[in-house]
């Protein structure tokens, strides 16, 4: 049986403006600049550049109509045009001058032009005498080289691709012979299919000595034992002394495991980190500044102001004029909101970072990571009376320039553990001490995780072996056996 009934329910929903503000807060400086550029392109009522203040215009604009509701039907007659108008007659060249103070950040980053890595290899192929088939195969192989310098595909896959895409029908043996030519190109080791082959190519091109001969033997015939640092097996297999093995390993350690990365002109654009904040120590006190690029000069277009003035002065208002004034109002409201959102973003960023700076004052004054206090998002959210999600948006993608280098803000957050005194200490502090202990260990007899746990306990940090293993992995430090040196 069907029934109809009414139900009243209260619910909270984020307005589109609030959602957009959250997105703005999340953006780092460079992405924020792109967002500003996009908004300037999409909204003709918004303009960038410096503008002289007009108190009367600002007051009128601030007191203009309430937030525009897209679902509300508005007639042109309902709009009080006077609220949007101003008597300011400052010419455009005065308001759009591209003036920046001397301490403003550089607005553009120059990139060096150069030959691509692939083209660099093809240029070298031109010095070899190859027939048409060999040339096609060689260029295809060079095109398959990744940015590290490796060809990570099987010969059978390459043979199939040559047939399907290049109409070149050949054999794996032919491809293998052309691959040997590619292996002669610079940088040494390029075109290798795995690390073993890469190191072997580099060693075979070095000047022959007793050390390089032994190194070649180790890489070609005992690579597995070498990578697992089974030095006793290597000593027995090759019947050599520890000194000879040490010299051969030194030869191998000087090789380049990623030959493609050594090519300076590979034309890859390196991601530049632009700090969103800067912290300086002035007379023993911390001073926080927000990157000036986060506070752009934006204002409402005077041309739109003049359009409204023309509409007001017109005696006979046509339908097209009424449609135009509705469009103008919508764009002016959007421009007003965007300018206000940028101010809120600026304030939110500064307040959040200021709270983090004062919370971690001891660290910022000394640069010693052991001075970092345990700090979670909720600590800062409670401090500034904002939501945890807002603090997260500020911390996740923003960088701060400190006297000790440029740091990702989220790195200052860490959970706490209790030491033997019952005090809360940061897990970052424990990791730093663990890192120091491992650096100072005897590399001939590296400390096991159990031994590291014992040392940390003696230093006042009672943590389990499995926790030590977890922290060691987070620090990207291998197990004891792989840290061993002869």
Protein backbone atom coordinates (compact mmCIF):
# COMPACT_ATOMS: atom_id res chain seq x y z
CA UNK A 1 0.00 0.00 0.00
CA UNK A 2 1.42 3.37 -1.03
CA UNK A 3 1.40 6.30 1.37
CA UNK A 4 2.38 9.91 1.09
CA UNK A 5 3.78 11.89 3.97
CA UNK A 6 5.78 15.03 4.63
CA UNK A 7 9.05 14.94 6.48
CA UNK A 8 11.03 17.92 7.75
CA UNK A 9 14.77 17.48 8.02
CA UNK A 10 17.58 19.89 8.86
CA UNK A 11 20.83 19.43 6.97
CA UNK A 12 23.98 21.40 6.43
CA UNK A 13 25.49 21.77 2.99
CA UNK A 14 28.58 23.58 1.83
CA UNK A 15 27.83 26.39 -0.59
CA UNK A 16 29.70 26.45 -3.92
CA UNK A 17 31.64 29.46 -2.60
CA UNK A 18 32.82 27.54 0.48
CA UNK A 19 33.92 24.59 -1.65
CA UNK A 20 35.85 26.92 -3.94
CA UNK A 21 37.52 28.57 -0.92
CA UNK A 22 38.66 25.18 0.38
CA UNK A 23 40.14 24.40 -3.03
CA UNK A 24 41.94 27.76 -3.08
CA UNK A 25 43.45 27.13 0.37
CA UNK A 26 44.77 23.75 -0.78
CA UNK A 27 46.67 25.19 -3.77
CA UNK A 28 50.41 25.86 -3.43
CA UNK A 29 51.80 29.16 -4.77
CA UNK A 30 52.46 28.12 -8.38
CA UNK A 31 49.09 26.37 -8.80
CA UNK A 32 47.39 29.35 -7.12
CA UNK A 33 48.91 31.69 -9.71
CA UNK A 34 47.50 29.49 -12.48
CA UNK A 35 44.07 29.61 -10.80
CA UNK A 36 44.24 33.43 -10.69
CA UNK A 37 45.15 33.49 -14.38
CA UNK A 38 42.22 31.18 -15.19
CA UNK A 39 39.77 33.35 -13.24
CA UNK A 40 41.02 36.51 -14.96
CA UNK A 41 40.44 34.86 -18.33
CA UNK A 42 36.96 33.57 -17.45
CA UNK A 43 35.61 36.66 -15.67
CA UNK A 44 35.97 39.91 -17.66
CA UNK A 45 34.73 41.88 -14.64
CA UNK A 46 37.93 40.96 -12.78
CA UNK A 47 41.26 42.63 -13.54
CA UNK A 48 44.77 42.28 -12.23
CA UNK A 49 47.34 44.98 -11.48
CA UNK A 50 47.72 47.74 -8.96
CA UNK A 51 44.92 50.24 -8.48
CA UNK A 52 44.67 53.47 -6.48
CA UNK A 53 42.15 53.18 -3.71
CA UNK A 54 38.87 55.08 -3.88
CA UNK A 55 37.21 55.04 -0.45
CA UNK A 56 33.78 55.99 -1.73
CA UNK A 57 33.82 53.28 -4.43
CA UNK A 58 35.09 50.62 -2.00
CA UNK A 59 32.34 51.45 0.52
CA UNK A 60 29.64 51.32 -2.13
CA UNK A 61 30.97 48.06 -3.55
CA UNK A 62 31.21 46.42 -0.12
CA UNK A 63 27.59 47.36 0.60
CA UNK A 64 26.30 46.11 -2.73
CA UNK A 65 23.72 43.38 -3.10
CA UNK A 66 23.83 40.11 -1.17
CA UNK A 67 25.44 36.96 -2.54
CA UNK A 68 24.00 36.09 -5.94
CA UNK A 69 21.85 32.99 -6.01
CA UNK A 70 21.83 31.21 -9.37
CA UNK A 71 18.42 29.72 -8.65
CA UNK A 72 16.82 33.10 -7.96
CA UNK A 73 15.06 34.93 -10.78
CA UNK A 74 16.15 38.58 -10.88
CA UNK A 75 14.72 41.32 -13.06
CA UNK A 76 16.87 44.13 -14.36
CA UNK A 77 14.53 46.63 -12.64
CA UNK A 78 15.31 45.02 -9.25
CA UNK A 79 19.00 45.92 -9.47
CA UNK A 80 20.08 49.14 -7.79
CA UNK A 81 22.72 50.21 -10.30
CA UNK A 82 23.93 53.04 -8.01
CA UNK A 83 25.34 50.42 -5.61
CA UNK A 84 27.84 49.31 -8.25
CA UNK A 85 28.80 52.73 -9.63
CA UNK A 86 31.67 54.97 -8.64
CA UNK A 87 32.74 58.48 -9.55
CA UNK A 88 36.36 57.36 -9.77
CA UNK A 89 37.86 58.44 -13.07
CA UNK A 90 41.37 57.03 -12.73
CA UNK A 91 42.63 56.16 -16.23
CA UNK A 92 43.48 52.55 -17.10
CA UNK A 93 47.20 53.21 -17.47
CA UNK A 94 47.29 54.30 -13.81
CA UNK A 95 45.50 51.21 -12.51
CA UNK A 96 47.24 48.55 -14.60
CA UNK A 97 50.89 49.60 -14.29
CA UNK A 98 53.06 46.53 -13.91
CA UNK A 99 55.03 47.80 -10.91
CA UNK A 100 56.59 45.46 -8.35
CA UNK A 101 58.60 46.24 -5.28
CA UNK A 102 62.22 45.15 -5.16
CA UNK A 103 61.47 42.36 -2.67
CA UNK A 104 58.82 40.71 -4.85
CA UNK A 105 59.66 37.20 -6.04
CA UNK A 106 60.80 36.60 -9.60
CA UNK A 107 57.66 36.12 -11.66
CA UNK A 108 59.09 33.72 -14.21
CA UNK A 109 61.68 30.96 -14.16
CA UNK A 110 63.90 30.63 -17.23
CA UNK A 111 64.49 27.15 -18.61
CA UNK A 112 67.56 26.18 -20.56
CA UNK A 113 66.91 24.89 -24.06
CA UNK A 114 68.78 21.83 -25.26
CA UNK A 115 68.78 18.63 -27.27
CA UNK A 116 66.56 15.84 -25.97
CA UNK A 117 68.16 12.66 -24.68
CA UNK A 118 66.71 10.63 -27.57
CA UNK A 119 67.99 13.12 -30.17
CA UNK A 120 71.40 13.07 -28.50
CA UNK A 121 71.56 9.28 -29.04
CA UNK A 122 70.27 9.50 -32.64
CA UNK A 123 72.95 12.11 -33.43
CA UNK A 124 75.56 9.58 -32.34
CA UNK A 125 74.02 6.89 -34.58
CA UNK A 126 74.78 9.14 -37.55
CA UNK A 127 78.48 8.41 -37.04
CA UNK A 128 77.95 4.66 -37.65
CA UNK A 129 77.68 2.99 -41.06
CA UNK A 130 74.34 1.17 -40.97
CA UNK A 131 72.15 -0.26 -43.71
CA UNK A 132 68.49 0.76 -43.91
CA UNK A 133 67.18 -2.12 -41.80
CA UNK A 134 69.84 -1.66 -39.12
CA UNK A 135 69.12 2.06 -39.04
CA UNK A 136 65.39 1.48 -38.50
CA UNK A 137 66.07 -1.03 -35.73
CA UNK A 138 68.68 1.20 -34.06
CA UNK A 139 66.36 4.24 -34.04
CA UNK A 140 63.53 2.12 -32.65
CA UNK A 141 65.81 0.82 -29.87
CA UNK A 142 66.97 4.34 -29.05
CA UNK A 143 63.32 5.44 -28.93
CA UNK A 144 62.66 2.66 -26.41
CA UNK A 145 65.31 3.94 -23.98
CA UNK A 146 63.67 5.37 -20.84
CA UNK A 147 64.87 8.42 -18.92
CA UNK A 148 67.11 6.27 -16.70
CA UNK A 149 68.90 4.95 -19.81
CA UNK A 150 67.40 1.43 -19.86
CA UNK A 151 65.46 -0.59 -22.44
CA UNK A 152 62.98 -2.43 -20.23
CA UNK A 153 61.37 -4.59 -22.92
CA UNK A 154 62.11 -8.07 -24.20
CA UNK A 155 63.60 -8.58 -27.67
CA UNK A 156 60.51 -10.55 -28.74
CA UNK A 157 58.25 -7.58 -27.84
CA UNK A 158 60.52 -5.22 -29.75
CA UNK A 159 60.51 -7.58 -32.76
CA UNK A 160 56.68 -7.65 -32.77
CA UNK A 161 56.45 -3.85 -32.46
CA UNK A 162 58.89 -3.36 -35.32
CA UNK A 163 56.70 -5.53 -37.52
CA UNK A 164 53.39 -3.92 -36.55
CA UNK A 165 54.39 -0.25 -36.29
CA UNK A 166 57.44 0.12 -38.56
CA UNK A 167 56.74 -2.64 -41.11
CA UNK A 168 60.23 -4.02 -40.37
CA UNK A 169 60.33 -7.83 -40.26
CA UNK A 170 63.48 -9.07 -38.58
CA UNK A 171 64.81 -11.63 -36.05
CA UNK A 172 65.78 -11.44 -32.41
CA UNK A 173 69.42 -12.21 -33.37
CA UNK A 174 69.46 -9.19 -35.70
CA UNK A 175 68.02 -6.95 -32.98
CA UNK A 176 70.63 -8.29 -30.54
CA UNK A 177 73.46 -7.40 -32.93
CA UNK A 178 72.11 -3.84 -33.43
CA UNK A 179 71.63 -3.51 -29.66
CA UNK A 180 75.38 -4.05 -29.24
CA UNK A 181 75.91 -0.97 -31.42
CA UNK A 182 73.52 1.02 -29.19
CA UNK A 183 75.59 -0.14 -26.19
CA UNK A 184 78.56 1.70 -27.72
CA UNK A 185 76.79 5.07 -27.46
CA UNK A 186 77.39 7.61 -24.70
CA UNK A 187 76.73 7.80 -21.82
CA UNK A 188 78.25 4.39 -21.10
CA UNK A 189 75.67 1.80 -20.09
CA UNK A 190 72.82 3.28 -22.12
CA UNK A 191 70.45 0.73 -23.70
CA UNK A 192 71.07 -1.91 -21.02
CA UNK A 193 68.16 -4.20 -20.19
CA UNK A 194 68.95 -4.55 -16.50
CA UNK A 195 71.37 -3.29 -13.84
CA UNK A 196 73.79 -6.19 -14.31
CA UNK A 197 74.14 -5.49 -18.04
CA UNK A 198 74.44 -1.73 -17.39
CA UNK A 199 77.34 -2.16 -14.96
CA UNK A 200 79.01 -4.75 -17.21
CA UNK A 201 78.92 -2.41 -20.25
CA UNK A 202 80.52 0.38 -18.22
CA UNK A 203 83.26 -1.88 -16.84
CA UNK A 204 84.13 -3.31 -20.29
CA UNK A 205 84.65 0.24 -21.56
CA UNK A 206 87.04 1.17 -18.75
CA UNK A 207 90.80 0.83 -19.02
CA UNK A 208 91.84 -2.74 -18.25
CA UNK A 209 93.45 -3.22 -14.83
CA UNK A 210 93.51 -6.04 -12.30
CA UNK A 211 90.70 -4.32 -10.35
CA UNK A 212 88.44 -3.83 -13.39
CA UNK A 213 89.04 -7.41 -14.56
CA UNK A 214 87.99 -8.72 -11.16
CA UNK A 215 85.01 -6.33 -11.07
CA UNK A 216 83.88 -7.62 -14.51
CA UNK A 217 84.21 -11.19 -13.28
CA UNK A 218 82.12 -10.42 -10.19
CA UNK A 219 79.34 -8.62 -12.14
CA UNK A 220 79.21 -11.17 -14.99
CA UNK A 221 79.55 -14.36 -12.94
CA UNK A 222 78.53 -13.63 -9.32
CA UNK A 223 76.09 -10.75 -9.50
CA UNK A 224 73.58 -12.32 -7.10
CA UNK A 225 76.19 -12.87 -4.39
CA UNK A 226 77.48 -9.31 -4.91
CA UNK A 227 74.04 -7.67 -4.55
CA UNK A 228 73.35 -9.69 -1.37
CA UNK A 229 76.82 -8.77 -0.02
CA UNK A 230 77.86 -12.38 0.51
CA UNK A 231 81.51 -11.38 0.67
CA UNK A 232 82.74 -14.73 2.07
CA UNK A 233 81.29 -16.52 -0.96
CA UNK A 234 83.04 -14.06 -3.29
CA UNK A 235 86.38 -14.52 -1.50
CA UNK A 236 86.11 -18.30 -1.85
CA UNK A 237 84.79 -18.30 -5.44
CA UNK A 238 87.54 -16.07 -6.87
CA UNK A 239 90.28 -17.08 -4.37
CA UNK A 240 91.21 -13.47 -3.61
CA UNK A 241 92.16 -11.40 -0.56
CA UNK A 242 89.89 -8.92 1.22
CA UNK A 243 91.99 -6.04 -0.13
CA UNK A 244 91.52 -7.21 -3.74
CA UNK A 245 87.77 -7.61 -3.20
CA UNK A 246 87.54 -4.18 -1.60
CA UNK A 247 89.35 -2.55 -4.57
CA UNK A 248 87.07 -4.32 -7.08
CA UNK A 249 83.94 -3.23 -5.16
CA UNK A 250 85.27 0.35 -5.11
CA UNK A 251 85.50 0.18 -8.94
CA UNK A 252 81.87 -0.97 -9.12
CA UNK A 253 80.66 1.70 -6.69
CA UNK A 254 82.06 4.42 -8.98
CA UNK A 255 79.81 3.26 -11.85
CA UNK A 256 76.53 4.99 -12.74
CA UNK A 257 73.43 2.78 -12.22
CA UNK A 258 71.26 5.31 -14.12
CA UNK A 259 73.26 6.47 -17.15
CA UNK A 260 70.32 8.41 -18.60
CA UNK A 261 70.17 10.62 -15.53
CA UNK A 262 73.72 11.86 -16.13
CA UNK A 263 72.80 13.53 -19.43
CA UNK A 264 72.44 17.21 -18.50
CA UNK A 265 70.59 18.17 -21.67
CA UNK A 266 67.79 15.63 -21.42
CA UNK A 267 65.41 18.61 -21.54
CA UNK A 268 63.18 17.40 -18.74
CA UNK A 269 61.61 20.31 -16.88
CA UNK A 270 62.60 20.03 -13.25
CA UNK A 271 59.86 20.82 -10.78
CA UNK A 272 60.72 24.02 -8.95
CA UNK A 273 59.54 24.30 -5.37
CA UNK A 274 58.32 27.81 -4.57
CA UNK A 275 58.15 28.34 -0.77
CA UNK A 276 54.74 29.63 0.33
CA UNK A 277 56.17 31.05 3.57
CA UNK A 278 59.51 32.25 4.87
CA UNK A 279 60.72 32.11 8.47
CA UNK A 280 63.68 34.23 9.57
CA UNK A 281 65.36 34.73 12.91
CA UNK A 282 65.54 38.47 13.72
CA UNK A 283 67.17 39.47 17.02
CA UNK A 284 66.53 36.01 18.44
CA UNK A 285 62.84 36.06 17.53
CA UNK A 286 61.02 34.25 14.71
CA UNK A 287 59.56 36.31 11.89
CA UNK A 288 57.01 34.82 9.49
CA UNK A 289 56.21 36.20 6.03
CA UNK A 290 53.82 34.95 3.34
CA UNK A 291 55.12 34.79 -0.23
CA UNK A 292 53.97 37.99 -1.95
CA UNK A 293 52.71 35.95 -4.91
CA UNK A 294 49.88 34.72 -2.65
CA UNK A 295 48.52 38.27 -2.38
CA UNK A 296 47.89 39.41 -5.97
CA UNK A 297 46.51 42.84 -6.85
CA UNK A 298 42.96 42.33 -8.13
CA UNK A 299 40.13 44.79 -8.69
CA UNK A 300 36.79 45.14 -10.43
CA UNK A 301 36.89 46.27 -14.07
CA UNK A 302 36.13 49.96 -14.64
CA UNK A 303 34.72 49.11 -18.06
CA UNK A 304 31.92 47.15 -16.39
CA UNK A 305 31.36 50.11 -14.10
CA UNK A 306 30.93 52.32 -17.16
CA UNK A 307 28.51 49.82 -18.75
CA UNK A 308 26.27 50.04 -15.69
CA UNK A 309 26.49 53.82 -15.77
CA UNK A 310 25.41 53.77 -19.42
CA UNK A 311 22.46 51.53 -18.54
CA UNK A 312 21.41 53.87 -15.74
CA UNK A 313 21.56 56.97 -17.96
CA UNK A 314 19.63 55.33 -20.83
CA UNK A 315 16.02 56.55 -21.00
CA UNK A 316 14.64 53.69 -23.06
CA UNK A 317 15.98 50.40 -21.78
CA UNK A 318 15.84 47.66 -24.41
CA UNK A 319 15.55 43.92 -23.68
CA UNK A 320 19.16 43.36 -24.75
CA UNK A 321 20.31 46.05 -22.31
CA UNK A 322 18.33 44.40 -19.50
CA UNK A 323 19.87 41.02 -20.32
CA UNK A 324 23.31 42.63 -20.37
CA UNK A 325 22.87 44.25 -16.93
CA UNK A 326 21.88 40.87 -15.44
CA UNK A 327 25.05 39.35 -16.92
CA UNK A 328 27.15 42.25 -15.63
CA UNK A 329 25.72 41.89 -12.10
CA UNK A 330 26.51 38.17 -12.06
CA UNK A 331 30.11 38.80 -13.14
CA UNK A 332 30.56 41.64 -10.65
CA UNK A 333 29.26 39.45 -7.81
CA UNK A 334 31.63 36.66 -8.88
CA UNK A 335 34.56 39.10 -9.00
CA UNK A 336 33.65 40.47 -5.56
CA UNK A 337 33.47 36.98 -4.10
CA UNK A 338 36.78 35.89 -5.66
CA UNK A 339 38.63 38.92 -4.28
CA UNK A 340 37.16 38.23 -0.83
CA UNK A 341 38.06 34.52 -1.08
CA UNK A 342 41.70 35.40 -1.82
CA UNK A 343 41.79 37.61 1.28
CA UNK A 344 40.36 34.75 3.37
CA UNK A 345 42.87 32.33 1.88
CA UNK A 346 45.74 34.68 2.70
CA UNK A 347 44.54 35.08 6.29
CA UNK A 348 43.97 31.33 6.77
CA UNK A 349 47.44 30.46 5.47
CA UNK A 350 49.16 33.03 7.68
CA UNK A 351 47.23 32.16 10.85
CA UNK A 352 47.83 28.40 10.39
CA UNK A 353 51.55 28.72 9.67
CA UNK A 354 51.98 31.18 12.51
CA UNK A 355 50.48 28.64 14.93
CA UNK A 356 52.77 25.89 13.60
CA UNK A 357 55.81 28.18 13.91
CA UNK A 358 55.09 29.04 17.54
CA UNK A 359 54.26 25.42 18.39
CA UNK A 360 57.64 24.30 17.02
CA UNK A 361 59.55 27.41 18.18
CA UNK A 362 62.44 25.39 19.64
CA UNK A 363 63.05 23.66 16.31
CA UNK A 364 62.88 26.83 14.18
CA UNK A 365 65.35 28.59 16.49
CA UNK A 366 67.90 25.74 16.46
CA UNK A 367 67.26 23.61 13.36
CA UNK A 368 67.73 20.49 15.52
CA UNK A 369 65.11 17.90 14.52
CA UNK A 370 65.34 16.41 17.99
CA UNK A 371 63.66 19.61 19.21
CA UNK A 372 60.50 18.88 17.18
CA UNK A 373 57.54 18.43 19.50
CA UNK A 374 54.86 15.80 18.88
CA UNK A 375 52.21 17.63 16.85
CA UNK A 376 49.10 16.40 15.10
CA UNK A 377 46.62 18.31 12.92
CA UNK A 378 44.13 18.59 15.80
CA UNK A 379 46.67 20.44 17.96
CA UNK A 380 46.89 23.28 15.43
CA UNK A 381 43.16 23.14 14.58
CA UNK A 382 42.30 23.66 18.28
CA UNK A 383 44.88 26.45 18.54
CA UNK A 384 43.41 28.52 15.68
CA UNK A 385 39.79 27.35 16.12
CA UNK A 386 39.50 25.90 12.62
CA UNK A 387 38.60 22.50 11.22
CA UNK A 388 41.24 19.76 10.99
CA UNK A 389 40.58 19.47 7.24
CA UNK A 390 41.55 23.16 6.78
CA UNK A 391 44.87 22.64 8.58
CA UNK A 392 45.46 19.52 6.47
CA UNK A 393 44.92 21.51 3.26
CA UNK A 394 47.49 24.09 4.35
CA UNK A 395 50.06 21.51 5.48
CA UNK A 396 49.92 18.92 2.69
CA UNK A 397 51.11 20.93 -0.28
CA UNK A 398 52.85 24.01 1.12
CA UNK A 399 56.54 24.69 1.69
CA UNK A 400 58.30 27.02 4.10
CA UNK A 401 61.73 28.57 3.60
CA UNK A 402 63.66 28.28 6.89
CA UNK A 403 67.27 29.09 7.86
CA UNK A 404 67.86 25.32 7.55
CA UNK A 405 66.45 24.82 4.04
CA UNK A 406 63.04 24.61 2.36
CA UNK A 407 60.75 22.17 4.18
CA UNK A 408 57.37 20.62 3.43
CA UNK A 409 55.06 21.78 6.23
CA UNK A 410 53.47 18.36 6.81
CA UNK A 411 56.94 17.07 7.84
CA UNK A 412 56.64 19.04 11.08
CA UNK A 413 53.70 16.88 12.14
CA UNK A 414 54.42 13.65 13.98
CA UNK A 415 52.83 11.38 16.54
CA UNK A 416 54.13 10.99 20.06
CA UNK A 417 55.68 8.21 22.10
CA UNK A 418 56.61 8.17 25.74
CA UNK A 419 60.25 7.96 26.84
CA UNK A 420 61.45 6.25 30.01
CA UNK A 421 60.63 9.44 31.95
CA UNK A 422 57.00 9.25 30.86
CA UNK A 423 57.35 12.37 28.70
CA UNK A 424 55.80 12.63 25.24
CA UNK A 425 58.47 12.79 22.53
CA UNK A 426 58.10 13.07 18.77
CA UNK A 427 58.60 10.00 16.62
CA UNK A 428 60.70 12.30 14.40
CA UNK A 429 63.11 12.72 17.31
CA UNK A 430 63.44 8.94 17.69
CA UNK A 431 64.00 8.51 13.93
CA UNK A 432 66.73 11.14 13.98
CA UNK A 433 68.53 9.36 16.82
CA UNK A 434 68.11 6.01 15.03
CA UNK A 435 69.60 7.52 11.88
CA UNK A 436 72.57 8.88 13.84
CA UNK A 437 73.23 5.51 15.53
CA UNK A 438 73.23 3.72 12.15
CA UNK A 439 75.58 6.32 10.64
CA UNK A 440 78.08 5.78 13.47
CA UNK A 441 77.92 1.96 13.48
CA UNK A 442 80.82 -0.30 12.46
CA UNK A 443 80.00 -1.06 8.80
CA UNK A 444 81.92 -4.34 8.98
CA UNK A 445 79.44 -5.48 11.63
CA UNK A 446 76.20 -3.49 11.14
CA UNK A 447 73.73 -3.42 14.01
CA UNK A 448 70.66 -5.62 13.77
CA UNK A 449 67.21 -4.24 14.53
CA UNK A 450 67.33 -5.97 17.90
CA UNK A 451 70.67 -4.34 18.73
CA UNK A 452 69.31 -0.95 17.61
CA UNK A 453 66.26 -1.39 19.86
CA UNK A 454 68.58 -2.13 22.79
CA UNK A 455 70.66 1.00 22.14
CA UNK A 456 67.54 3.18 21.88
CA UNK A 457 66.28 1.72 25.15
CA UNK A 458 69.58 2.66 26.81
CA UNK A 459 69.12 6.21 25.47
CA UNK A 460 65.71 6.40 27.13
CA UNK A 461 63.43 5.32 24.27
CA UNK A 462 61.87 1.92 25.09
CA UNK A 463 60.54 0.77 21.71
CA UNK A 464 60.11 -2.73 20.29
CA UNK A 465 62.27 -4.32 17.57
CA UNK A 466 59.39 -4.31 15.06
CA UNK A 467 58.95 -0.56 15.66
CA UNK A 468 62.65 -0.03 14.97
CA UNK A 469 62.25 -2.00 11.73
CA UNK A 470 59.27 0.17 10.74
CA UNK A 471 61.17 3.43 11.42
CA UNK A 472 64.25 2.12 9.57
CA UNK A 473 62.14 1.32 6.49
CA UNK A 474 60.51 4.76 6.65
CA UNK A 475 64.02 6.27 6.65
CA UNK A 476 64.82 4.12 3.58
CA UNK A 477 67.68 2.37 5.38
CA UNK A 478 68.33 -1.28 4.37
CA UNK A 479 68.66 -4.22 6.78
CA UNK A 480 71.97 -4.86 8.55
CA UNK A 481 73.22 -7.41 6.00
CA UNK A 482 72.89 -4.95 3.13
CA UNK A 483 74.65 -2.18 5.08
CA UNK A 484 77.74 -4.35 5.47
CA UNK A 485 81.01 -3.12 3.97
CA UNK A 486 84.22 -5.07 3.65
